[in-house]
Amino acid sequence: MDDTPSPEQSKPGLASRLARASVFKRLGPGLITGAADDDPSGIATYSQAGSQCGVNMLWTVILTCPMMAAIQSVSARIGRVTGHGLAANMAHHFPRPLVGFLVGLLFIANTVNIGADLAAMGASAHLVSGWSPHLFTIAFALFSLLLQIFVPYHRYVGFLKWLTLALFAYVGIVFAVRIDWSETLARSVVPHLPLNAQSLTTIVAVFGTTISPYLFFWQASEEVEDEEADPDAAPLVERPDQAPEQLARIRWDTYLGMAFSNLIAYFIILTAAETLFRAGITNIQTTAEAATALRPIAGELAFFLFAMGVVGTGLLAVPVLAGSAADAISEASGWTSGLEKKWRDAPAFYTVITLATLLGLALDYAPIDPITALFWGAVLNGVIAVPIMVATMLVASRKDEMGAFVATTSQRWLGWLATALMGAAAATMLALAL
């Protein structure tokens, strides 16, 4: 066999540059998942954290970043290795009533999130245009629903990638306000925060909106979608020769996506801390109030960027919330699922998407404060994430399911550490609340 390298391979660094370009070109599930994490629910929670506690909450997103990356890479690994989503794998190993209970909690949390996200998007669009917020909410809901039902995933995934750019609005706001960077960096590492019921509830909300259960299900399912859309690909248990390339792609995709997500979260908390908290505005009731409160403090640009960022991230997040709930329920029930499928091939799957979106839309007409629903939805996510994370880590460690591609040692350590951290925070919060 001739081992002489080709001219292309012999050029210094060319092969490695081509490999890196290929990896970045194929970024998708991890990047979209990370960006969807900073949805209006996340924006509301991070804004409340910054307005209530100032820069003393910045440490939370620094702490969660590596653990979030670990649990998301484990979820992606499960989907790519087995060719099945997270709920389907859980149904193989755990009692169906337990899986059904966990999936039911996910559906409730996602529906509340969808409703609050849509309401926040409508209110933000109203602030900028002056038109009816309810009309905007209905339009956003219908646009998202029609996109998922009538456009195959491989066609609109590019649209979702472009929407991730909306998150840079929250980086731009920082340049419109004055930041005390010495205090900011110090409090990012060593916070000065009293441990009481309010602060612990806020911590759980930040953890819950950062490490959210729907993200686990979404990223695993989208790895399956991508694999099924590629005629040359197959689950890694069937095609282990594809493992080096695919696992390297998952690693880059997930780490980049989660770093991006936590960076934006950091800037949202920082913006609220340096504007609202310093101005004594600590009780933000709606995302519209948060945007409006910025106007006299940071100017028109900050106001506009904040409001339109809510709309952009909502358009990204609502399909992820509805799709992850539908994937989980369909997989647990043995129904055909997937955004690449047509309605006639997966009617139950698309019915769940429709139901979640319409129920969420109905919440816009309920006497529930949007940011309150968003905040407590994040707290709910922080609580229900714990058993789902336990189940995910157990699946990822099973050789009978994952073969030679069980979670790595670092993934297991960080994944279980994240699970323990979430459990401890939720238990402490509940104990103080009783």
Protein backbone atom coordinates (compact mmCIF):
# COMPACT_ATOMS: atom_id res chain seq x y z
CA MET A 1 0.00 0.00 0.00
CA ASP A 2 1.37 3.43 -0.97
CA ASP A 3 1.55 5.64 2.12
CA THR A 4 2.90 8.66 0.22
CA PRO A 5 0.77 11.66 1.14
CA SER A 6 -1.09 13.45 -1.61
CA PRO A 7 0.01 16.99 -2.54
CA GLU A 8 -2.99 18.39 -0.64
CA GLN A 9 -2.12 16.39 2.48
CA SER A 10 1.54 17.35 2.31
CA LYS A 11 0.87 21.09 2.50
CA PRO A 12 1.56 22.19 6.10
CA GLY A 13 -1.59 22.48 8.12
CA LEU A 14 -3.92 22.22 5.11
CA ALA A 15 -5.51 18.94 6.17
CA SER A 16 -6.13 20.18 9.70
CA ARG A 17 -7.61 23.46 8.40
CA LEU A 18 -9.91 21.58 6.06
CA ALA A 19 -10.98 19.31 8.89
CA ARG A 20 -11.76 22.30 11.12
CA ALA A 21 -13.69 24.00 8.32
CA SER A 22 -15.72 20.83 7.83
CA VAL A 23 -16.52 20.70 11.54
CA PHE A 24 -17.65 24.33 11.71
CA LYS A 25 -19.68 23.96 8.53
CA ARG A 26 -21.63 21.12 10.14
CA LEU A 27 -22.42 22.94 13.37
CA GLY A 28 -26.11 22.57 14.07
CA PRO A 29 -27.83 20.78 16.96
CA GLY A 30 -25.40 22.03 19.61
CA LEU A 31 -25.33 25.63 18.38
CA ILE A 32 -29.12 25.84 18.01
CA THR A 33 -29.67 24.15 21.38
CA GLY A 34 -27.32 26.54 23.13
CA ALA A 35 -28.92 29.58 21.51
CA ALA A 36 -32.45 28.33 22.24
CA ASP A 37 -31.48 28.16 25.91
CA ASP A 38 -31.39 31.99 25.93
CA ASP A 39 -35.08 32.22 25.06
CA PRO A 40 -37.45 34.85 26.54
CA SER A 41 -37.72 32.60 29.62
CA GLY A 42 -33.96 32.73 30.02
CA ILE A 43 -33.87 36.47 29.32
CA ALA A 44 -36.54 37.05 31.98
CA THR A 45 -34.80 34.87 34.54
CA TYR A 46 -31.36 36.34 33.91
CA SER A 47 -32.83 39.86 34.00
CA GLN A 48 -34.50 39.16 37.34
CA ALA A 49 -31.28 37.66 38.69
CA GLY A 50 -29.32 40.75 37.70
CA SER A 51 -31.95 43.24 38.87
CA GLN A 52 -32.40 41.52 42.24
CA CYS A 53 -28.83 40.50 43.07
CA GLY A 54 -26.65 42.66 40.85
CA VAL A 55 -23.34 41.26 39.65
CA ASN A 56 -23.42 38.69 42.48
CA MET A 57 -25.27 36.26 40.18
CA LEU A 58 -22.65 36.24 37.41
CA TRP A 59 -20.86 33.24 38.96
CA THR A 60 -23.85 30.99 38.27
CA VAL A 61 -23.43 30.93 34.48
CA ILE A 62 -19.66 30.46 34.79
CA LEU A 63 -20.24 27.48 37.07
CA THR A 64 -22.91 25.91 34.87
CA CYS A 65 -21.05 26.24 31.55
CA PRO A 66 -18.83 23.11 31.73
CA MET A 67 -21.59 21.05 33.36
CA MET A 68 -24.12 22.16 30.77
CA ALA A 69 -21.67 21.20 28.01
CA ALA A 70 -21.18 17.78 29.59
CA ILE A 71 -24.88 16.88 29.93
CA GLN A 72 -25.67 18.20 26.44
CA SER A 73 -22.78 16.30 24.84
CA VAL A 74 -23.98 13.15 26.62
CA SER A 75 -27.49 13.71 25.23
CA ALA A 76 -26.15 14.27 21.72
CA ARG A 77 -23.95 11.19 22.05
CA ILE A 78 -26.93 9.03 23.00
CA GLY A 79 -28.87 10.15 19.93
CA ARG A 80 -25.99 9.72 17.47
CA VAL A 81 -24.78 6.40 18.86
CA THR A 82 -28.14 4.64 19.19
CA GLY A 83 -30.14 6.31 16.42
CA HIS A 84 -32.95 6.99 18.90
CA GLY A 85 -33.92 9.98 20.99
CA LEU A 86 -33.63 10.30 24.73
CA ALA A 87 -37.18 9.24 25.62
CA ALA A 88 -36.97 6.15 23.41
CA ASN A 89 -33.77 5.07 25.15
CA MET A 90 -35.27 5.71 28.58
CA ALA A 91 -38.32 3.62 27.64
CA HIS A 92 -35.98 0.67 26.92
CA HIS A 93 -34.59 0.62 30.46
CA PHE A 94 -37.05 2.22 32.86
CA PRO A 95 -40.68 1.50 33.76
CA ARG A 96 -43.04 3.09 31.28
CA PRO A 97 -45.11 4.83 33.98
CA LEU A 98 -41.94 6.55 35.21
CA VAL A 99 -40.93 7.62 31.70
CA GLY A 100 -44.49 8.78 31.04
CA PHE A 101 -44.45 10.82 34.25
CA LEU A 102 -41.16 12.52 33.35
CA VAL A 103 -42.31 13.22 29.80
CA GLY A 104 -45.59 14.60 31.15
CA LEU A 105 -43.69 17.02 33.38
CA LEU A 106 -41.62 18.04 30.36
CA PHE A 107 -44.77 18.73 28.33
CA ILE A 108 -46.25 20.90 31.10
CA ALA A 109 -43.04 22.88 31.59
CA ASN A 110 -42.57 23.35 27.84
CA THR A 111 -46.17 24.48 27.32
CA VAL A 112 -45.84 27.08 30.07
CA ASN A 113 -42.56 28.19 28.50
CA ILE A 114 -44.12 28.44 25.04
CA GLY A 115 -47.01 30.53 26.35
CA ALA A 116 -44.78 32.87 28.30
CA ASP A 117 -42.31 33.14 25.40
CA LEU A 118 -45.08 34.02 22.94
CA ALA A 119 -46.53 36.61 25.33
CA ALA A 120 -43.10 38.15 25.88
CA MET A 121 -42.48 38.28 22.12
CA GLY A 122 -45.84 39.97 21.52
CA ALA A 123 -45.22 42.52 24.27
CA SER A 124 -41.73 43.32 22.96
CA ALA A 125 -42.94 43.74 19.37
CA HIS A 126 -45.71 46.02 20.67
CA LEU A 127 -43.15 48.23 22.43
CA VAL A 128 -41.26 48.80 19.18
CA SER A 129 -44.22 49.12 16.80
CA GLY A 130 -47.16 50.19 18.96
CA TRP A 131 -49.41 47.56 17.38
CA SER A 132 -51.55 45.07 19.31
CA PRO A 133 -49.42 42.64 21.39
CA HIS A 134 -52.10 39.93 21.08
CA LEU A 135 -52.00 40.11 17.27
CA PHE A 136 -48.22 39.75 17.36
CA THR A 137 -48.50 36.79 19.74
CA ILE A 138 -50.97 35.01 17.45
CA ALA A 139 -48.82 35.76 14.39
CA PHE A 140 -45.66 34.42 16.05
CA ALA A 141 -47.47 31.26 17.19
CA LEU A 142 -48.92 30.55 13.74
CA PHE A 143 -45.64 31.29 11.97
CA SER A 144 -43.75 28.88 14.22
CA LEU A 145 -46.42 26.19 13.90
CA LEU A 146 -46.66 26.40 10.11
CA LEU A 147 -42.87 26.37 9.81
CA GLN A 148 -42.61 23.09 11.71
CA ILE A 149 -45.54 21.38 9.97
CA PHE A 150 -44.94 22.34 6.35
CA VAL A 151 -41.19 22.91 6.02
CA PRO A 152 -38.78 19.94 6.38
CA TYR A 153 -36.23 20.33 9.15
CA HIS A 154 -33.22 20.31 6.82
CA ARG A 155 -34.61 23.40 5.04
CA TYR A 156 -35.44 25.60 8.00
CA VAL A 157 -32.50 24.59 10.20
CA GLY A 158 -30.51 27.26 8.36
CA PHE A 159 -33.12 29.82 9.37
CA LEU A 160 -32.71 28.76 13.01
CA LYS A 161 -28.94 29.14 12.73
CA TRP A 162 -29.31 32.71 11.47
CA LEU A 163 -31.65 33.52 14.37
CA THR A 164 -28.83 32.77 16.81
CA LEU A 165 -27.36 36.12 15.72
CA ALA A 166 -30.25 37.84 17.54
CA LEU A 167 -28.49 37.00 20.80
CA PHE A 168 -25.65 39.40 19.99
CA ALA A 169 -28.16 42.15 20.82
CA TYR A 170 -27.38 41.49 24.48
CA VAL A 171 -23.67 41.87 23.87
CA GLY A 172 -24.36 45.18 22.14
CA ILE A 173 -26.29 46.55 25.13
CA VAL A 174 -23.19 46.28 27.32
CA PHE A 175 -21.45 48.85 25.11
CA ALA A 176 -24.32 51.26 25.70
CA VAL A 177 -23.87 51.33 29.51
CA ARG A 178 -20.99 52.04 31.86
CA ILE A 179 -19.51 48.90 33.44
CA ASP A 180 -17.34 48.69 36.56
CA TRP A 181 -15.21 45.84 35.21
CA SER A 182 -13.04 45.43 38.31
CA GLU A 183 -16.07 44.73 40.50
CA THR A 184 -17.70 42.69 37.76
CA LEU A 185 -14.75 40.32 37.40
CA ALA A 186 -14.32 40.02 41.17
CA ARG A 187 -17.99 39.16 41.77
CA SER A 188 -17.91 36.70 38.85
CA VAL A 189 -15.57 34.56 40.93
CA VAL A 190 -16.36 35.47 44.56
CA PRO A 191 -20.00 36.56 44.98
CA HIS A 192 -21.30 38.43 48.00
CA LEU A 193 -24.74 36.87 48.35
CA PRO A 194 -26.87 36.02 51.41
CA LEU A 195 -28.21 32.46 51.39
CA ASN A 196 -31.94 32.82 51.96
CA ALA A 197 -35.10 31.52 50.31
CA GLN A 198 -35.20 34.34 47.73
CA SER A 199 -31.58 34.04 46.64
CA LEU A 200 -31.73 30.23 46.48
CA THR A 201 -34.95 30.37 44.44
CA THR A 202 -33.20 32.71 42.02
CA ILE A 203 -30.18 30.38 41.84
CA VAL A 204 -32.44 27.39 41.10
CA ALA A 205 -34.23 29.45 38.44
CA VAL A 206 -30.91 30.35 36.80
CA PHE A 207 -29.76 26.73 36.95
CA GLY A 208 -33.14 25.56 35.62
CA THR A 209 -33.20 27.95 32.68
CA THR A 210 -29.54 27.18 31.85
CA ILE A 211 -29.66 23.38 32.26
CA SER A 212 -33.20 22.78 30.99
CA PRO A 213 -34.68 19.30 30.36
CA TYR A 214 -36.10 20.20 26.96
CA LEU A 215 -32.58 20.89 25.70
CA PHE A 216 -31.50 17.30 26.49
CA PHE A 217 -34.37 15.84 24.44
CA TRP A 218 -33.98 18.32 21.59
CA GLN A 219 -30.27 17.82 20.99
CA ALA A 220 -30.54 14.02 21.12
CA SER A 221 -33.48 14.06 18.69
CA GLU A 222 -31.79 16.45 16.28
CA GLU A 223 -28.73 14.21 16.13
CA VAL A 224 -31.14 11.47 15.04
CA GLU A 225 -32.76 13.85 12.50
CA ASP A 226 -29.37 14.76 11.03
CA GLU A 227 -28.29 11.12 10.84
CA GLU A 228 -31.53 10.07 9.11
CA ALA A 229 -31.27 12.96 6.64
CA ASP A 230 -27.80 11.81 5.52
CA PRO A 231 -28.01 8.70 3.28
CA ASP A 232 -24.40 7.81 4.06
CA ALA A 233 -24.81 8.00 7.84
CA ALA A 234 -26.00 5.42 10.34
CA PRO A 235 -26.12 5.04 14.14
CA LEU A 236 -22.60 4.58 15.45
CA VAL A 237 -23.46 1.19 16.96
CA GLU A 238 -23.98 0.07 13.35
CA ARG A 239 -21.21 2.14 11.75
CA PRO A 240 -18.40 2.49 14.32
CA ASP A 241 -16.05 3.66 11.55
CA GLN A 242 -17.93 6.96 11.52
CA ALA A 243 -17.37 7.50 15.24
CA PRO A 244 -14.12 9.59 15.20
CA GLU A 245 -15.53 12.20 12.84
CA GLN A 246 -19.01 12.33 14.37
CA LEU A 247 -17.95 12.41 18.02
CA ALA A 248 -15.40 15.14 17.23
CA ARG A 249 -18.16 17.15 15.50
CA ILE A 250 -20.49 16.70 18.49
CA ARG A 251 -17.73 17.86 20.82
CA TRP A 252 -17.03 21.04 18.85
CA ASP A 253 -20.69 21.73 18.17
CA THR A 254 -21.76 21.28 21.79
CA TYR A 255 -18.87 23.10 23.44
CA LEU A 256 -19.22 26.06 21.09
CA GLY A 257 -23.01 26.16 21.48
CA MET A 258 -22.94 25.99 25.28
CA ALA A 259 -20.11 28.54 25.59
CA PHE A 260 -22.10 30.89 23.35
CA SER A 261 -25.23 30.32 25.45
CA ASN A 262 -23.52 31.06 28.76
CA LEU A 263 -21.66 34.07 27.37
CA ILE A 264 -24.97 35.65 26.34
CA ALA A 265 -26.49 34.77 29.74
CA TYR A 266 -23.53 36.49 31.41
CA PHE A 267 -24.12 39.68 29.44
CA ILE A 268 -27.88 39.68 30.16
CA ILE A 269 -27.27 39.42 33.91
CA LEU A 270 -24.54 42.05 33.66
CA THR A 271 -26.80 44.44 31.73
CA ALA A 272 -29.61 44.12 34.32
CA ALA A 273 -27.13 44.46 37.19
CA GLU A 274 -25.45 47.60 35.84
CA THR A 275 -28.69 49.32 34.86
CA LEU A 276 -31.76 48.10 36.74
CA PHE A 277 -30.09 47.01 40.00
CA ARG A 278 -27.99 50.16 40.27
CA ALA A 279 -31.09 52.28 39.63
CA GLY A 280 -32.95 50.47 42.43
CA ILE A 281 -35.35 48.70 40.02
CA THR A 282 -35.45 45.21 41.52
CA ASN A 283 -38.99 44.03 40.83
CA ILE A 284 -39.39 43.52 37.08
CA GLN A 285 -42.84 42.08 36.31
CA THR A 286 -42.68 41.73 32.52
CA THR A 287 -40.06 41.66 29.79
CA ALA A 288 -41.72 44.81 28.50
CA GLU A 289 -40.99 46.45 31.86
CA ALA A 290 -37.38 45.32 31.65
CA ALA A 291 -36.99 46.85 28.20
CA THR A 292 -38.85 50.04 29.16
CA ALA A 293 -36.79 50.44 32.34
CA LEU A 294 -33.62 50.36 30.24
CA ARG A 295 -34.78 53.24 28.07
CA PRO A 296 -34.09 56.19 30.41
CA ILE A 297 -31.01 54.52 31.92
CA ALA A 298 -29.15 53.15 28.87
CA GLY A 299 -30.86 54.93 25.96
CA GLU A 300 -32.93 54.08 22.91
CA LEU A 301 -30.38 51.68 21.42
CA ALA A 302 -30.32 49.47 24.51
CA PHE A 303 -34.12 49.53 24.65
CA PHE A 304 -34.45 48.54 20.98
CA LEU A 305 -31.81 45.79 21.17
CA PHE A 306 -33.38 44.28 24.29
CA ALA A 307 -36.90 44.27 22.83
CA MET A 308 -35.96 42.85 19.43
CA GLY A 309 -33.63 40.30 21.01
CA VAL A 310 -36.66 38.87 22.83
CA VAL A 311 -38.49 38.46 19.50
CA GLY A 312 -35.53 36.85 17.73
CA THR A 313 -34.73 34.39 20.49
CA GLY A 314 -38.41 33.52 20.87
CA LEU A 315 -38.68 32.61 17.19
CA LEU A 316 -35.71 30.32 17.73
CA ALA A 317 -36.92 28.77 20.98
CA VAL A 318 -40.63 28.07 20.36
CA PRO A 319 -39.99 25.38 17.69
CA VAL A 320 -37.38 23.81 20.00
CA LEU A 321 -39.81 23.74 22.94
CA ALA A 322 -42.72 22.32 20.93
CA GLY A 323 -40.52 19.92 18.97
CA SER A 324 -38.74 18.52 22.02
CA ALA A 325 -42.05 17.88 23.81
CA ALA A 326 -43.48 16.15 20.73
CA ASP A 327 -40.33 14.08 20.25
CA ALA A 328 -40.34 12.93 23.87
CA ILE A 329 -44.03 11.98 23.94
CA SER A 330 -43.86 10.25 20.55
CA GLU A 331 -40.74 8.26 21.44
CA ALA A 332 -42.14 7.20 24.82
CA SER A 333 -45.39 6.12 23.12
CA GLY A 334 -43.75 4.36 20.17
CA TRP A 335 -45.17 6.79 17.60
CA THR A 336 -43.43 7.87 14.42
CA SER A 337 -41.76 11.21 14.99
CA GLY A 338 -39.38 13.66 13.36
CA LEU A 339 -39.49 17.08 11.77
CA GLU A 340 -38.37 15.56 8.48
CA LYS A 341 -41.62 13.55 8.35
CA LYS A 342 -44.77 14.82 6.68
CA TRP A 343 -47.99 15.21 8.69
CA ARG A 344 -49.56 12.12 7.14
CA ASP A 345 -46.56 10.02 8.20
CA ALA A 346 -46.42 11.30 11.80
CA PRO A 347 -49.88 12.68 12.69
CA ALA A 348 -49.58 12.10 16.45
CA PHE A 349 -46.18 13.85 16.56
CA TYR A 350 -47.49 16.96 14.81
CA THR A 351 -50.68 16.89 16.88
CA VAL A 352 -48.56 17.21 20.03
CA ILE A 353 -46.65 20.15 18.47
CA THR A 354 -49.95 21.82 17.57
CA LEU A 355 -51.45 21.17 21.01
CA ALA A 356 -48.40 22.51 22.86
CA THR A 357 -48.32 25.65 20.72
CA LEU A 358 -52.06 26.35 20.97
CA LEU A 359 -52.18 25.70 24.72
CA GLY A 360 -49.23 28.02 25.10
CA LEU A 361 -51.04 30.62 23.00
CA ALA A 362 -54.11 30.28 25.24
CA LEU A 363 -51.96 31.27 28.22
CA ASP A 364 -51.62 34.70 26.62
CA TYR A 365 -55.26 35.31 27.52
CA ALA A 366 -54.98 33.94 31.05
CA PRO A 367 -54.56 36.32 34.01
CA ILE A 368 -50.95 35.22 34.48
CA ASP A 369 -48.08 37.67 34.52
CA PRO A 370 -45.67 36.65 31.69
CA ILE A 371 -42.39 37.15 33.53
CA THR A 372 -43.79 35.45 36.66
CA ALA A 373 -44.74 32.44 34.54
CA LEU A 374 -41.32 32.51 32.88
CA PHE A 375 -39.49 32.70 36.21
CA TRP A 376 -41.46 29.93 37.92
CA GLY A 377 -41.26 27.86 34.76
CA ALA A 378 -37.50 28.08 35.13
CA VAL A 379 -37.78 27.00 38.77
CA LEU A 380 -39.95 24.04 37.67
CA ASN A 381 -37.31 23.13 35.07
CA GLY A 382 -34.65 23.23 37.78
CA VAL A 383 -36.60 20.71 39.87
CA ILE A 384 -37.69 18.25 37.16
CA ALA A 385 -34.27 18.34 35.49
CA VAL A 386 -32.81 16.27 38.33
CA PRO A 387 -34.58 12.92 37.72
CA ILE A 388 -34.25 13.37 33.95
CA MET A 389 -30.51 13.98 34.30
CA VAL A 390 -30.18 10.84 36.45
CA ALA A 391 -31.95 8.79 33.77
CA THR A 392 -29.82 10.35 31.02
CA MET A 393 -26.54 9.58 32.78
CA LEU A 394 -27.62 5.99 33.47
CA VAL A 395 -28.48 5.43 29.78
CA ALA A 396 -25.17 6.95 28.65
CA SER A 397 -23.23 4.55 30.92
CA ARG A 398 -24.90 1.33 29.69
CA LYS A 399 -22.70 -0.75 27.40
CA ASP A 400 -25.67 -2.83 26.28
CA GLU A 401 -27.17 0.35 24.81
CA MET A 402 -24.13 2.43 23.86
CA GLY A 403 -21.70 -0.35 22.98
CA ALA A 404 -18.13 0.92 22.86
CA PHE A 405 -19.34 4.53 22.91
CA VAL A 406 -20.47 4.98 26.49
CA ALA A 407 -19.96 8.45 27.95
CA THR A 408 -16.33 9.36 28.55
CA THR A 409 -14.89 9.61 32.04
CA SER A 410 -14.94 13.43 31.97
CA GLN A 411 -18.53 13.44 30.70
CA ARG A 412 -19.59 11.09 33.50
CA TRP A 413 -17.81 13.13 36.20
CA LEU A 414 -19.19 16.47 35.00
CA GLY A 415 -22.63 15.04 34.21
CA TRP A 416 -23.06 13.53 37.68
CA LEU A 417 -21.61 16.69 39.26
CA ALA A 418 -24.19 18.77 37.41
CA THR A 419 -26.93 16.38 38.55
CA ALA A 420 -25.78 16.61 42.17
CA LEU A 421 -25.55 20.41 41.98
CA MET A 422 -29.06 20.74 40.56
CA GLY A 423 -30.42 18.32 43.16
CA ALA A 424 -28.74 20.09 46.06
CA ALA A 425 -29.96 23.52 44.94
CA ALA A 426 -33.54 22.32 44.44
CA ALA A 427 -33.62 20.44 47.75
CA THR A 428 -32.22 23.42 49.67
CA MET A 429 -34.72 25.77 48.08
CA LEU A 430 -37.65 23.49 48.92
CA ALA A 431 -36.42 22.99 52.49
CA LEU A 432 -36.18 26.75 53.09
CA ALA A 433 -39.58 27.33 51.51
CA LEU A 434 -41.35 24.86 53.84
